[in-house]
C-alpha atoms as a PDB file:
ATOM      1  CA  MET A   1      -0.012   0.049   0.013  1.00  0.00           C
ATOM      2  CA  PRO A   2       1.384   3.351  -0.808  1.00  0.00           C
ATOM      3  CA  GLU A   3       1.863   5.885   1.955  1.00  0.00           C
ATOM      4  CA  PRO A   4       1.606   9.287   0.323  1.00  0.00           C
ATOM      5  CA  ALA A   5       2.000  12.502   2.209  1.00  0.00           C
ATOM      6  CA  LEU A   6      -0.803  14.908   2.032  1.00  0.00           C
ATOM      7  CA  LEU A   7      -0.425  18.637   2.298  1.00  0.00           C
ATOM      8  CA  TYR A   8      -3.255  20.738   3.119  1.00  0.00           C
ATOM      9  CA  ALA A   9      -3.413  24.502   2.466  1.00  0.00           C
ATOM     10  CA  SER A  10      -6.410  26.990   2.137  1.00  0.00           C
ATOM     11  CA  PRO A  11      -5.064  30.373   1.706  1.00  0.00           C
ATOM     12  CA  GLN A  12      -7.231  33.370   1.360  1.00  0.00           C
ATOM     13  CA  ALA A  13      -6.267  36.748  -0.223  1.00  0.00           C
ATOM     14  CA  LEU A  14      -2.434  35.486   0.126  1.00  0.00           C
ATOM     15  CA  LYS A  15      -0.161  38.351   1.290  1.00  0.00           C
ATOM     16  CA  ALA A  16       3.527  38.831   0.493  1.00  0.00           C
ATOM     17  CA  ARG A  17       4.509  38.879   3.969  1.00  0.00           C
ATOM     18  CA  ASN A  18       3.607  36.605   6.926  1.00  0.00           C
ATOM     19  CA  THR A  19       2.726  38.487  10.096  1.00  0.00           C
ATOM     20  CA  GLY A  20       0.843  37.808  13.305  1.00  0.00           C
ATOM     21  CA  ASP A  21       1.501  36.648  17.021  1.00  0.00           C
ATOM     22  CA  LYS A  22      -0.137  33.293  17.170  1.00  0.00           C
ATOM     23  CA  TRP A  23       3.145  31.664  16.184  1.00  0.00           C
ATOM     24  CA  PRO A  24       6.514  33.250  17.079  1.00  0.00           C
ATOM     25  CA  GLN A  25       7.704  32.599  13.464  1.00  0.00           C
ATOM     26  CA  PRO A  26       4.674  31.972  11.345  1.00  0.00           C
ATOM     27  CA  PRO A  27       5.162  28.505   9.565  1.00  0.00           C
ATOM     28  CA  PHE A  28       3.227  29.167   6.548  1.00  0.00           C
ATOM     29  CA  LYS A  29       6.211  30.571   4.546  1.00  0.00           C
ATOM     30  CA  SER A  30       8.396  29.081   1.501  1.00  0.00           C
ATOM     31  CA  PRO A  31       9.514  26.528   1.202  1.00  0.00           C
ATOM     32  CA  LEU A  32       6.630  24.347   2.011  1.00  0.00           C
ATOM     33  CA  PRO A  33       7.514  20.712   2.514  1.00  0.00           C
ATOM     34  CA  PRO A  34       7.211  18.501  -0.555  1.00  0.00           C
ATOM     35  CA  ALA A  35       4.186  16.239  -0.769  1.00  0.00           C
ATOM     36  CA  ASP A  36       2.402  13.542  -2.901  1.00  0.00           C
ATOM     37  CA  LEU A  37      -0.871  15.582  -3.120  1.00  0.00           C
ATOM     38  CA  LEU A  38      -1.726  19.081  -2.533  1.00  0.00           C
ATOM     39  CA  ILE A  39      -5.231  19.950  -1.522  1.00  0.00           C
ATOM     40  CA  PHE A  40      -6.655  23.747  -1.522  1.00  0.00           C
ATOM     41  CA  ALA A  41      -9.738  23.860   0.292  1.00  0.00           C
ATOM     42  CA  GLY A  42     -11.169  27.088  -1.214  1.00  0.00           C
ATOM     43  CA  ASP A  43     -11.071  30.797  -0.966  1.00  0.00           C
ATOM     44  CA  MET A  44      -8.275  31.499  -3.821  1.00  0.00           C
ATOM     45  CA  THR A  45      -9.158  35.127  -3.501  1.00  0.00           C
ATOM     46  CA  THR A  46     -10.835  38.151  -1.615  1.00  0.00           C
ATOM     47  CA  THR A  47     -13.465  39.016  -4.369  1.00  0.00           C
ATOM     48  CA  GLY A  48     -12.681  36.862  -7.191  1.00  0.00           C
ATOM     49  CA  LYS A  49     -10.556  39.532  -9.270  1.00  0.00           C
ATOM     50  CA  PRO A  50      -8.347  37.831 -12.036  1.00  0.00           C
ATOM     51  CA  ASP A  51      -5.144  39.531 -10.528  1.00  0.00           C
ATOM     52  CA  GLN A  52      -6.049  37.547  -6.992  1.00  0.00           C
ATOM     53  CA  TYR A  53      -6.599  34.182  -8.823  1.00  0.00           C
ATOM     54  CA  HIS A  54      -2.978  34.675 -10.472  1.00  0.00           C
ATOM     55  CA  ARG A  55      -1.452  35.663  -7.081  1.00  0.00           C
ATOM     56  CA  CYS A  56      -3.019  32.168  -5.781  1.00  0.00           C
ATOM     57  CA  LEU A  57      -1.407  30.393  -8.644  1.00  0.00           C
ATOM     58  CA  ASP A  58       1.897  31.920  -8.324  1.00  0.00           C
ATOM     59  CA  MET A  59       1.795  30.377  -4.709  1.00  0.00           C
ATOM     60  CA  LEU A  60       0.535  27.085  -5.794  1.00  0.00           C
ATOM     61  CA  ARG A  61       3.343  26.883  -8.599  1.00  0.00           C
ATOM     62  CA  GLU A  62       5.964  27.182  -5.909  1.00  0.00           C
ATOM     63  CA  ILE A  63       4.693  24.074  -3.907  1.00  0.00           C
ATOM     64  CA  HIS A  64       6.358  20.721  -4.682  1.00  0.00           C
ATOM     65  CA  ALA A  65       3.553  18.288  -5.245  1.00  0.00           C
ATOM     66  CA  PRO A  66       2.808  16.113  -8.383  1.00  0.00           C
ATOM     67  CA  VAL A  67      -0.849  16.512  -8.114  1.00  0.00           C
ATOM     68  CA  LYS A  68      -2.556  19.633  -6.724  1.00  0.00           C
ATOM     69  CA  LEU A  69      -6.224  19.651  -6.221  1.00  0.00           C
ATOM     70  CA  ALA A  70      -8.108  22.971  -5.548  1.00  0.00           C
ATOM     71  CA  ILE A  71     -11.945  24.137  -5.102  1.00  0.00           C
ATOM     72  CA  ALA A  72     -13.581  27.365  -5.017  1.00  0.00           C
ATOM     73  CA  GLY A  73     -14.930  28.954  -1.667  1.00  0.00           C
ATOM     74  CA  ASN A  74     -17.323  31.617  -0.918  1.00  0.00           C
ATOM     75  CA  HIS A  75     -15.172  34.553  -1.675  1.00  0.00           C
ATOM     76  CA  ASP A  76     -14.385  33.307  -5.150  1.00  0.00           C
ATOM     77  CA  LEU A  77     -17.278  35.139  -6.439  1.00  0.00           C
ATOM     78  CA  THR A  78     -16.635  34.976 -10.210  1.00  0.00           C
ATOM     79  CA  LEU A  79     -16.578  31.161 -10.293  1.00  0.00           C
ATOM     80  CA  ASP A  80     -20.153  31.085  -9.160  1.00  0.00           C
ATOM     81  CA  SER A  81     -22.509  31.912 -11.955  1.00  0.00           C
ATOM     82  CA  GLU A  82     -25.673  31.999 -10.086  1.00  0.00           C
ATOM     83  CA  TYR A  83     -24.283  34.554  -7.667  1.00  0.00           C
ATOM     84  CA  MET A  84     -22.992  36.792 -10.505  1.00  0.00           C
ATOM     85  CA  SER A  85     -26.388  36.557 -12.054  1.00  0.00           C
ATOM     86  CA  ALA A  86     -28.103  37.608  -9.148  1.00  0.00           C
ATOM     87  CA  HIS A  87     -25.852  40.681  -8.593  1.00  0.00           C
ATOM     88  CA  LEU A  88     -25.893  42.444 -11.894  1.00  0.00           C
ATOM     89  CA  GLY A  89     -26.803  45.712 -10.455  1.00  0.00           C
ATOM     90  CA  LYS A  90     -24.197  45.459  -7.534  1.00  0.00           C
ATOM     91  CA  TYR A  91     -21.230  45.342 -10.278  1.00  0.00           C
ATOM     92  CA  ARG A  92     -23.108  47.142 -12.970  1.00  0.00           C
ATOM     93  CA  LEU A  93     -22.900  44.421 -15.355  1.00  0.00           C
ATOM     94  CA  SER A  94     -25.280  43.177 -18.210  1.00  0.00           C
ATOM     95  CA  PRO A  95     -26.183  39.590 -18.197  1.00  0.00           C
ATOM     96  CA  GLU A  96     -23.683  38.865 -20.884  1.00  0.00           C
ATOM     97  CA  ALA A  97     -20.736  40.702 -19.268  1.00  0.00           C
ATOM     98  CA  ALA A  98     -21.560  38.654 -16.071  1.00  0.00           C
ATOM     99  CA  ARG A  99     -21.502  35.489 -18.064  1.00  0.00           C
ATOM    100  CA  LEU A 100     -18.200  36.507 -19.815  1.00  0.00           C
ATOM    101  CA  ARG A 101     -16.685  37.337 -16.381  1.00  0.00           C
ATOM    102  CA  VAL A 102     -17.570  33.792 -14.894  1.00  0.00           C
ATOM    103  CA  GLN A 103     -16.159  32.256 -18.061  1.00  0.00           C
ATOM    104  CA  GLU A 104     -12.771  33.952 -17.822  1.00  0.00           C
ATOM    105  CA  ALA A 105     -12.444  32.957 -14.288  1.00  0.00           C
ATOM    106  CA  ARG A 106     -13.213  29.233 -15.235  1.00  0.00           C
ATOM    107  CA  ASP A 107     -11.219  29.261 -18.255  1.00  0.00           C
ATOM    108  CA  LEU A 108      -8.333  30.137 -16.072  1.00  0.00           C
ATOM    109  CA  TRP A 109      -8.970  27.282 -13.706  1.00  0.00           C
ATOM    110  CA  THR A 110     -10.550  24.573 -16.115  1.00  0.00           C
ATOM    111  CA  ALA A 111      -9.548  25.109 -19.726  1.00  0.00           C
ATOM    112  CA  PRO A 112      -7.101  22.573 -21.285  1.00  0.00           C
ATOM    113  CA  GLY A 113      -4.935  25.663 -22.037  1.00  0.00           C
ATOM    114  CA  GLY A 114      -5.567  27.729 -18.738  1.00  0.00           C
ATOM    115  CA  ARG A 115      -3.043  28.674 -16.541  1.00  0.00           C
ATOM    116  CA  ALA A 116      -4.059  26.290 -13.734  1.00  0.00           C
ATOM    117  CA  ARG A 117      -3.613  23.220 -16.011  1.00  0.00           C
ATOM    118  CA  ARG A 118      -0.063  24.800 -16.859  1.00  0.00           C
ATOM    119  CA  GLU A 119       0.766  24.888 -13.449  1.00  0.00           C
ATOM    120  CA  GLY A 120      -0.420  21.400 -12.675  1.00  0.00           C
ATOM    121  CA  VAL A 121      -3.516  22.339 -10.593  1.00  0.00           C
ATOM    122  CA  THR A 122      -6.753  20.459 -11.080  1.00  0.00           C
ATOM    123  CA  PHE A 123      -9.886  22.455 -10.054  1.00  0.00           C
ATOM    124  CA  LEU A 124     -12.707  20.081  -8.836  1.00  0.00           C
ATOM    125  CA  ASP A 125     -16.421  21.189  -9.436  1.00  0.00           C
ATOM    126  CA  GLU A 126     -19.058  19.684  -6.934  1.00  0.00           C
ATOM    127  CA  GLY A 127     -19.277  15.886  -7.161  1.00  0.00           C
ATOM    128  CA  LEU A 128     -17.200  12.607  -7.243  1.00  0.00           C
ATOM    129  CA  HIS A 129     -13.798  12.538  -8.670  1.00  0.00           C
ATOM    130  CA  THR A 130     -11.132   9.716  -9.323  1.00  0.00           C
ATOM    131  CA  VAL A 131      -7.582  10.861  -8.983  1.00  0.00           C
ATOM    132  CA  ASP A 132      -4.386   8.905  -9.713  1.00  0.00           C
ATOM    133  CA  LEU A 133      -1.157   9.693  -8.100  1.00  0.00           C
ATOM    134  CA  PRO A 134       2.234   8.929  -9.355  1.00  0.00           C
ATOM    135  CA  ASN A 135       3.098   6.982  -6.199  1.00  0.00           C
ATOM    136  CA  GLY A 136       0.659   4.272  -7.325  1.00  0.00           C
ATOM    137  CA  ALA A 137      -2.557   5.413  -5.315  1.00  0.00           C
ATOM    138  CA  ARG A 138      -5.866   6.057  -6.748  1.00  0.00           C
ATOM    139  CA  ILE A 139      -8.193   8.131  -4.688  1.00  0.00           C
ATOM    140  CA  THR A 140     -11.898   8.971  -4.783  1.00  0.00           C
ATOM    141  CA  VAL A 141     -12.606  12.581  -3.602  1.00  0.00           C
ATOM    142  CA  TYR A 142     -15.971  14.168  -3.025  1.00  0.00           C
ATOM    143  CA  ALA A 143     -15.636  17.964  -3.434  1.00  0.00           C
ATOM    144  CA  SER A 144     -17.835  20.871  -2.853  1.00  0.00           C
ATOM    145  CA  PRO A 145     -17.283  24.631  -2.524  1.00  0.00           C
ATOM    146  CA  TYR A 146     -20.915  25.270  -0.979  1.00  0.00           C
ATOM    147  CA  THR A 147     -21.321  26.626   2.623  1.00  0.00           C
ATOM    148  CA  PRO A 148     -24.328  27.825   4.604  1.00  0.00           C
ATOM    149  CA  GLU A 149     -25.249  31.696   3.814  1.00  0.00           C
ATOM    150  CA  TYR A 150     -22.355  33.611   5.453  1.00  0.00           C
ATOM    151  CA  GLY A 151     -23.144  37.177   4.361  1.00  0.00           C
ATOM    152  CA  ASP A 152     -23.513  37.991   0.729  1.00  0.00           C
ATOM    153  CA  THR A 153     -20.818  35.697  -0.633  1.00  0.00           C
ATOM    154  CA  GLY A 154     -20.754  32.932  -3.339  1.00  0.00           C
ATOM    155  CA  PHE A 155     -21.574  29.010  -3.283  1.00  0.00           C
ATOM    156  CA  ALA A 156     -24.400  29.705  -0.629  1.00  0.00           C
ATOM    157  CA  TYR A 157     -27.329  27.827   0.438  1.00  0.00           C
ATOM    158  CA  ARG A 158     -29.878  28.372   3.207  1.00  0.00           C
ATOM    159  CA  ALA A 159     -29.784  27.016   6.495  1.00  0.00           C
ATOM    160  CA  ASP A 160     -32.801  24.698   6.084  1.00  0.00           C
ATOM    161  CA  GLU A 161     -31.381  23.508   2.692  1.00  0.00           C
ATOM    162  CA  ASP A 162     -29.520  20.151   2.412  1.00  0.00           C
ATOM    163  CA  ARG A 163     -27.045  20.158  -0.438  1.00  0.00           C
ATOM    164  CA  PHE A 164     -25.371  16.927   0.799  1.00  0.00           C
ATOM    165  CA  ASN A 165     -27.622  14.047   1.619  1.00  0.00           C
ATOM    166  CA  THR A 166     -30.183  11.999  -0.185  1.00  0.00           C
ATOM    167  CA  THR A 167     -33.802  12.176   0.569  1.00  0.00           C
ATOM    168  CA  SER A 168     -33.643   9.171   2.555  1.00  0.00           C
ATOM    169  CA  THR A 169     -30.723  10.283   4.767  1.00  0.00           C
ATOM    170  CA  GLY A 170     -31.333  13.903   5.255  1.00  0.00           C
ATOM    171  CA  LEU A 171     -32.879  15.696   8.122  1.00  0.00           C
ATOM    172  CA  SER A 172     -36.754  15.289   8.162  1.00  0.00           C
ATOM    173  CA  ASP A 173     -37.468  19.028   7.874  1.00  0.00           C
ATOM    174  CA  ALA A 174     -34.633  20.015   5.397  1.00  0.00           C
ATOM    175  CA  ARG A 175     -35.394  21.028   1.998  1.00  0.00           C
ATOM    176  CA  ASN A 176     -33.241  18.854  -0.187  1.00  0.00           C
ATOM    177  CA  ILE A 177     -31.480  20.595  -2.909  1.00  0.00           C
ATOM    178  CA  ALA A 178     -28.476  17.927  -3.488  1.00  0.00           C
ATOM    179  CA  GLU A 179     -27.601  17.712  -6.909  1.00  0.00           C
ATOM    180  CA  HIS A 180     -24.570  15.394  -6.195  1.00  0.00           C
ATOM    181  CA  PRO A 181     -25.241  13.750  -2.917  1.00  0.00           C
ATOM    182  CA  VAL A 182     -22.201  12.321  -0.930  1.00  0.00           C
ATOM    183  CA  PRO A 183     -22.196   8.720  -1.210  1.00  0.00           C
ATOM    184  CA  SER A 184     -22.609   6.475   1.946  1.00  0.00           C
ATOM    185  CA  PHE A 185     -19.683   4.147   3.248  1.00  0.00           C
ATOM    186  CA  THR A 186     -22.148   1.295   3.743  1.00  0.00           C
ATOM    187  CA  GLY A 187     -22.944  -0.579   0.494  1.00  0.00           C
ATOM    188  CA  THR A 188     -20.630   1.360  -1.888  1.00  0.00           C
ATOM    189  CA  GLU A 189     -18.017  -0.545  -3.903  1.00  0.00           C
ATOM    190  CA  THR A 190     -15.760   2.486  -4.126  1.00  0.00           C
ATOM    191  CA  PRO A 191     -16.037   4.459  -0.800  1.00  0.00           C
ATOM    192  CA  VAL A 192     -14.942   8.183  -0.565  1.00  0.00           C
ATOM    193  CA  ASP A 193     -11.448   8.493   0.382  1.00  0.00           C
ATOM    194  CA  ILE A 194     -11.311  12.110   0.816  1.00  0.00           C
ATOM    195  CA  LEU A 195     -14.306  14.550   1.438  1.00  0.00           C
ATOM    196  CA  LEU A 196     -13.176  18.017   0.294  1.00  0.00           C
ATOM    197  CA  THR A 197     -15.312  20.777   1.261  1.00  0.00           C
ATOM    198  CA  HIS A 198     -14.967  24.643   1.734  1.00  0.00           C
ATOM    199  CA  GLY A 199     -16.829  24.667   4.939  1.00  0.00           C
ATOM    200  CA  PRO A 200     -16.943  22.577   8.065  1.00  0.00           C
ATOM    201  CA  PRO A 201     -19.439  20.227   9.424  1.00  0.00           C
ATOM    202  CA  LEU A 202     -21.502  21.168  12.515  1.00  0.00           C
ATOM    203  CA  GLY A 203     -19.310  20.584  15.910  1.00  0.00           C
ATOM    204  CA  HIS A 204     -15.968  20.165  14.539  1.00  0.00           C
ATOM    205  CA  LEU A 205     -13.350  22.726  14.061  1.00  0.00           C
ATOM    206  CA  SER A 206     -16.263  25.149  13.342  1.00  0.00           C
ATOM    207  CA  ARG A 207     -16.690  27.558  16.125  1.00  0.00           C
ATOM    208  CA  THR A 208     -16.075  31.405  15.735  1.00  0.00           C
ATOM    209  CA  THR A 209     -14.345  33.905  18.107  1.00  0.00           C
ATOM    210  CA  SER A 210     -18.078  34.563  19.169  1.00  0.00           C
ATOM    211  CA  GLU A 211     -18.491  30.938  20.095  1.00  0.00           C
ATOM    212  CA  LEU A 212     -20.986  30.625  17.397  1.00  0.00           C
ATOM    213  CA  ASP A 213     -20.923  26.888  15.814  1.00  0.00           C
ATOM    214  CA  ALA A 214     -20.739  28.067  12.145  1.00  0.00           C
ATOM    215  CA  GLY A 215     -20.486  24.313  10.929  1.00  0.00           C
ATOM    216  CA  CYS A 216     -23.391  22.643   8.775  1.00  0.00           C
ATOM    217  CA  PRO A 217     -25.567  20.151  10.158  1.00  0.00           C
ATOM    218  CA  HIS A 218     -26.376  18.579   6.867  1.00  0.00           C
ATOM    219  CA  LEU A 219     -22.566  18.246   6.123  1.00  0.00           C
ATOM    220  CA  LEU A 220     -22.137  16.433   9.195  1.00  0.00           C
ATOM    221  CA  ARG A 221     -24.890  14.036   8.559  1.00  0.00           C
ATOM    222  CA  ALA A 222     -23.394  13.219   5.292  1.00  0.00           C
ATOM    223  CA  LEU A 223     -19.903  12.783   6.599  1.00  0.00           C
ATOM    224  CA  MET A 224     -21.249  10.466   9.166  1.00  0.00           C
ATOM    225  CA  CYS A 225     -23.036   8.406   6.207  1.00  0.00           C
ATOM    226  CA  CYS A 226     -19.574   8.660   4.142  1.00  0.00           C
ATOM    227  CA  ARG A 227     -16.905   8.038   6.857  1.00  0.00           C
ATOM    228  CA  PRO A 228     -14.169   8.813   4.480  1.00  0.00           C
ATOM    229  CA  LEU A 229     -10.549   8.569   5.682  1.00  0.00           C
ATOM    230  CA  LEU A 230     -10.024  12.336   5.854  1.00  0.00           C
ATOM    231  CA  HIS A 231     -12.344  15.427   5.598  1.00  0.00           C
ATOM    232  CA  CYS A 232     -10.507  18.696   4.810  1.00  0.00           C
ATOM    233  CA  PHE A 233     -11.974  21.995   4.748  1.00  0.00           C
ATOM    234  CA  GLY A 234     -11.345  25.783   5.818  1.00  0.00           C
ATOM    235  CA  HIS A 235     -13.718  28.680   5.734  1.00  0.00           C
ATOM    236  CA  ILE A 236     -13.727  29.093   9.614  1.00  0.00           C
ATOM    237  CA  HIS A 237     -10.383  30.623  10.165  1.00  0.00           C
ATOM    238  CA  GLU A 238     -10.348  30.437  13.907  1.00  0.00           C
ATOM    239  CA  GLY A 239     -11.379  26.645  13.616  1.00  0.00           C
ATOM    240  CA  TRP A 240      -7.812  25.762  12.453  1.00  0.00           C
ATOM    241  CA  GLY A 241      -6.744  22.400  13.710  1.00  0.00           C
ATOM    242  CA  ALA A 242      -7.058  18.783  13.220  1.00  0.00           C
ATOM    243  CA  GLN A 243      -9.484  15.947  14.901  1.00  0.00           C
ATOM    244  CA  ILE A 244      -9.818  12.061  14.761  1.00  0.00           C
ATOM    245  CA  VAL A 245     -13.367  10.983  14.928  1.00  0.00           C
ATOM    246  CA  LYS A 246     -14.154   7.635  16.054  1.00  0.00           C
ATOM    247  CA  TRP A 247     -17.820   6.569  14.547  1.00  0.00           C
ATOM    248  CA  ASP A 248     -20.176   4.571  16.610  1.00  0.00           C
ATOM    249  CA  ASP A 249     -21.199   1.228  15.529  1.00  0.00           C
ATOM    250  CA  ARG A 250     -24.749   2.720  15.280  1.00  0.00           C
ATOM    251  CA  ALA A 251     -23.758   5.649  12.852  1.00  0.00           C
ATOM    252  CA  ASP A 252     -25.812   4.249   9.922  1.00  0.00           C
ATOM    253  CA  GLU A 253     -28.664   3.731  12.279  1.00  0.00           C
ATOM    254  CA  VAL A 254     -28.325   7.210  13.646  1.00  0.00           C
ATOM    255  CA  THR A 255     -28.284   8.954  10.007  1.00  0.00           C
ATOM    256  CA  ALA A 256     -31.252   6.684   9.080  1.00  0.00           C
ATOM    257  CA  ALA A 257     -33.362   7.616  11.948  1.00  0.00           C
ATOM    258  CA  PRO A 258     -35.957  10.690  11.289  1.00  0.00           C
ATOM    259  CA  THR A 259     -34.346  13.725  12.925  1.00  0.00           C
ATOM    260  CA  THR A 260     -35.263  17.429  12.666  1.00  0.00           C
ATOM    261  CA  ILE A 261     -32.387  19.998  12.086  1.00  0.00           C
ATOM    262  CA  GLY A 262     -33.133  21.511  15.648  1.00  0.00           C
ATOM    263  CA  GLU A 263     -32.823  17.899  17.158  1.00  0.00           C
ATOM    264  CA  TRP A 264     -29.577  17.231  15.287  1.00  0.00           C
ATOM    265  CA  LYS A 265     -28.091  20.589  16.099  1.00  0.00           C
ATOM    266  CA  GLY A 266     -29.177  19.913  19.693  1.00  0.00           C
ATOM    267  CA  GLY A 267     -26.841  16.991  20.007  1.00  0.00           C
ATOM    268  CA  ALA A 268     -28.783  13.978  18.450  1.00  0.00           C
ATOM    269  CA  TRP A 269     -25.616  13.821  16.085  1.00  0.00           C
ATOM    270  CA  ARG A 270     -23.481  12.566  19.054  1.00  0.00           C
ATOM    271  CA  ALA A 271     -25.134   9.197  18.964  1.00  0.00           C
ATOM    272  CA  GLY A 272     -23.175   8.488  15.968  1.00  0.00           C
ATOM    273  CA  VAL A 273     -19.851   9.069  17.494  1.00  0.00           C
ATOM    274  CA  ALA A 274     -18.172   6.552  19.856  1.00  0.00           C
ATOM    275  CA  GLN A 275     -17.749   7.453  23.491  1.00  0.00           C
ATOM    276  CA  ASP A 276     -14.625   9.224  23.924  1.00  0.00           C
ATOM    277  CA  GLY A 277     -14.666   9.273  20.060  1.00  0.00           C
ATOM    278  CA  LEU A 278     -13.123  12.909  19.472  1.00  0.00           C
ATOM    279  CA  GLU A 279      -9.417  13.035  19.727  1.00  0.00           C
ATOM    280  CA  SER A 280      -7.831  16.503  19.120  1.00  0.00           C
ATOM    281  CA  VAL A 281      -4.443  16.569  17.368  1.00  0.00           C
ATOM    282  CA  SER A 282      -1.704  18.394  19.339  1.00  0.00           C
ATOM    283  CA  VAL A 283       0.766  20.292  17.444  1.00  0.00           C
ATOM    284  CA  ASP A 284       4.404  20.965  18.471  1.00  0.00           C
ATOM    285  CA  ARG A 285       4.923  24.638  17.567  1.00  0.00           C
ATOM    286  CA  GLU A 286       8.703  24.382  17.420  1.00  0.00           C
ATOM    287  CA  GLU A 287       8.388  21.321  14.741  1.00  0.00           C
ATOM    288  CA  ALA A 288       5.847  23.114  12.718  1.00  0.00           C
ATOM    289  CA  GLU A 289       8.192  26.290  12.503  1.00  0.00           C
ATOM    290  CA  GLU A 290      10.929  24.146  11.346  1.00  0.00           C
ATOM    291  CA  ARG A 291       8.876  22.109   8.880  1.00  0.00           C
ATOM    292  CA  HIS A 292       6.865  24.863   7.795  1.00  0.00           C
ATOM    293  CA  ALA A 293       3.773  22.626   8.365  1.00  0.00           C
ATOM    294  CA  ALA A 294       2.023  20.812  11.217  1.00  0.00           C
ATOM    295  CA  TYR A 295       2.350  17.163  10.835  1.00  0.00           C
ATOM    296  CA  LEU A 296       0.124  14.328  11.614  1.00  0.00           C
ATOM    297  CA  ASP A 297       1.097  10.646  10.922  1.00  0.00           C
ATOM    298  CA  VAL A 298      -1.859   8.158  10.642  1.00  0.00           C
ATOM    299  CA  SER A 299       0.091   5.663   8.531  1.00  0.00           C
ATOM    300  CA  ARG A 300       0.769   2.017   9.864  1.00  0.00           C
ATOM    301  CA  ASP A 301       4.043   3.394  11.212  1.00  0.00           C
ATOM    302  CA  GLY A 302       2.215   6.246  12.949  1.00  0.00           C
ATOM    303  CA  ARG A 303      -1.022   6.319  14.960  1.00  0.00           C
ATOM    304  CA  GLY A 304      -2.991   4.140  12.226  1.00  0.00           C
ATOM    305  CA  LEU A 305      -6.335   4.821  10.950  1.00  0.00           C
ATOM    306  CA  HIS A 306      -9.308   2.164  10.653  1.00  0.00           C
ATOM    307  CA  ARG A 307     -11.300   2.790   7.411  1.00  0.00           C
ATOM    308  CA  GLY A 308     -14.998   3.180   8.071  1.00  0.00           C
ATOM    309  CA  GLU A 309     -14.502   3.533  11.750  1.00  0.00           C
ATOM    310  CA  GLU A 310     -12.391   6.797  11.885  1.00  0.00           C
ATOM    311  CA  THR A 311     -12.173   9.827   9.944  1.00  0.00           C
ATOM    312  CA  VAL A 312      -9.406  12.497  10.363  1.00  0.00           C
ATOM    313  CA  LEU A 313     -10.848  16.225  10.152  1.00  0.00           C
ATOM    314  CA  VAL A 314      -8.669  18.950   9.134  1.00  0.00           C
ATOM    315  CA  ASN A 315      -9.617  22.632   9.127  1.00  0.00           C
ATOM    316  CA  ALA A 316      -6.777  23.881   6.968  1.00  0.00           C
ATOM    317  CA  ALA A 317      -7.480  27.511   7.135  1.00  0.00           C
ATOM    318  CA  ILE A 318      -4.097  29.517   6.765  1.00  0.00           C
ATOM    319  CA  MET A 319      -5.657  32.782   7.410  1.00  0.00           C
ATOM    320  CA  ASP A 320      -6.488  34.002  11.001  1.00  0.00           C
ATOM    321  CA  VAL A 321      -9.465  36.167  11.826  1.00  0.00           C
ATOM    322  CA  TRP A 322      -7.444  39.219  10.744  1.00  0.00           C
ATOM    323  CA  TYR A 323      -6.910  37.588   7.201  1.00  0.00           C
ATOM    324  CA  LYS A 324      -3.300  37.301   7.998  1.00  0.00           C
ATOM    325  CA  PRO A 325      -1.492  33.961   6.979  1.00  0.00           C
ATOM    326  CA  THR A 326      -0.350  32.876  10.323  1.00  0.00           C
ATOM    327  CA  ASN A 327      -1.655  29.325  10.615  1.00  0.00           C
ATOM    328  CA  ALA A 328       0.315  26.299   9.461  1.00  0.00           C
ATOM    329  CA  PRO A 329      -0.444  24.167   6.594  1.00  0.00           C
ATOM    330  CA  TRP A 330      -0.898  20.477   7.345  1.00  0.00           C
ATOM    331  CA  LEU A 331       1.480  17.612   6.249  1.00  0.00           C
ATOM    332  CA  ILE A 332      -0.304  14.230   6.793  1.00  0.00           C
ATOM    333  CA  ASP A 333       0.928  10.727   6.047  1.00  0.00           C
ATOM    334  CA  MET A 334      -1.733   8.040   5.546  1.00  0.00           C
ATOM    335  CA  GLU A 335      -2.317   5.134   3.497  1.00  0.00           C
ATOM    336  CA  LEU A 336      -4.414   5.192   0.337  1.00  0.00           C
ATOM    337  CA  PRO A 337      -5.748   2.682  -1.887  1.00  0.00           C
ATOM    338  CA  ARG A 338      -3.509   1.350  -4.559  1.00  0.00           C
ATOM    339  CA  ALA A 339      -4.805   1.599  -8.268  1.00  0.00           C
ATOM    340  CA  THR A 340      -5.630  -1.912  -9.455  1.00  0.00           C
END
């Protein structure tokens, strides 16, 4: 089994200099450690302007990884056609001008001759993707840039809307809008290895400085059904960190039970997590400053990880609440399935 290193970075509005007081020496600085796979969890920009996308690609170009995956986030406005169409007056655009602005942004990230492809970056739209790594691994990634409404930003859905579950697994009073539901672990021939979303699930690395839990209850429900090896996200800057969740044997039963949004948010979800099943990952700051990354080893030589029973959750937000890149990227060693 290959043991690729996974590097997670979720920079937003990248600045030329690293400042801040969370770390004595901010670890998010060049050179970042090499990895087999780079995952970028969204927010390439502040407002979706072309020069901001190019600055992000300038950064991604310098990171040593043969495969680089990226999704959009709520700040990447011009990659969201629905947002742009709904804000013609705000930006003083005609429908055709808005369409062209979205097309320009998408061409940059998705066109065969676009800059992202030239820099070795693969942009993922919402849904399932199969990705082959040069080390022999083949991974199944579910990606989504969508988050609950968080101000007037892109890729948003209402709190009562479920973008991630089927009608049979979703919360009973939710309005299902899922175009690409997250597959369940049970009964799936090819389970999801990595769940990549811009926002966090409810109750996990999702608290703001005001102690608001900004995580999505529907995403947590889907995560419990899916039980991937890893869930990577960003969005809530102050939620930076990592956890290992151990799922209860009744997780499928819990996600099949009729439950309202209020009941789920009120704690019903805890029945799907094993007793003492939340393990926070500690970070050695001196080591992180030396590596230029926070490190976690869940390979067989490290802590180990039991597929379908445990999931590593990583909030990889590089920016702090003042939009300064003071948080460390994550470097994770884990075993992934070999291509057959």
